[in-house]
């Protein structure tokens, strides 16, 4: 497969993977609806940066090793489940904002905290190694230069950032914010329950 074919394949497959419902999507949705566009965009940036972890070990030929190591996957599963459970419990404990319910002011969490949330959500995903083994096996050839592999990795991060940035942009529009602001704590609780359910699902999933 030449570089152009690999580029098209990576674009289509990775966009479909990014668009599929999962912890990343839930996290961006929760932050965008509850804390506005800035929070959603920064979490999206963190998710894209988290992708670099998987791209790095995949480009070094370690994806197959990670995906076949039950010990590594078990640790990734426990860390991811703990993180999702923590974020889920935070959402479940959300309370109505004090003051005017229609007030469009949102919390301004520190930027580094929001980026870290997105980064950890993606980087700790124990399903990622298998996905990258499949994707890189499909598109890579022994003749592909390192710089082309680097370009594909950067492009995947941009695709991820573009998709979740678009999700955040739509969900943080003033008209949508006004509609959801009066019951934002219920959104947090629903999203928190999804994240917590995701952590339980991870723990109950067998690791080969």
Foldseek 3Di string as FASTA:
>chain_A
DDLVVLLVLLLVVLLVVLPDDDLLLLLLLLCLLAAHLLLSLLLLLLLLVLLVLLLVCVLVVCLVVCLPDLVNLVVLLLQLLVLLLVQLVVLQPFDQDPDDLQDLHGDDDDSVVSSNNSNSNNNSPSCSSVVSVVSCVVRDDPPDDSVSSVVSSNVSSVSSSVVSSVVSVVCRPPVNNSVCSNPSSVSSNVSSVVSNVVSVVSVPDDRD
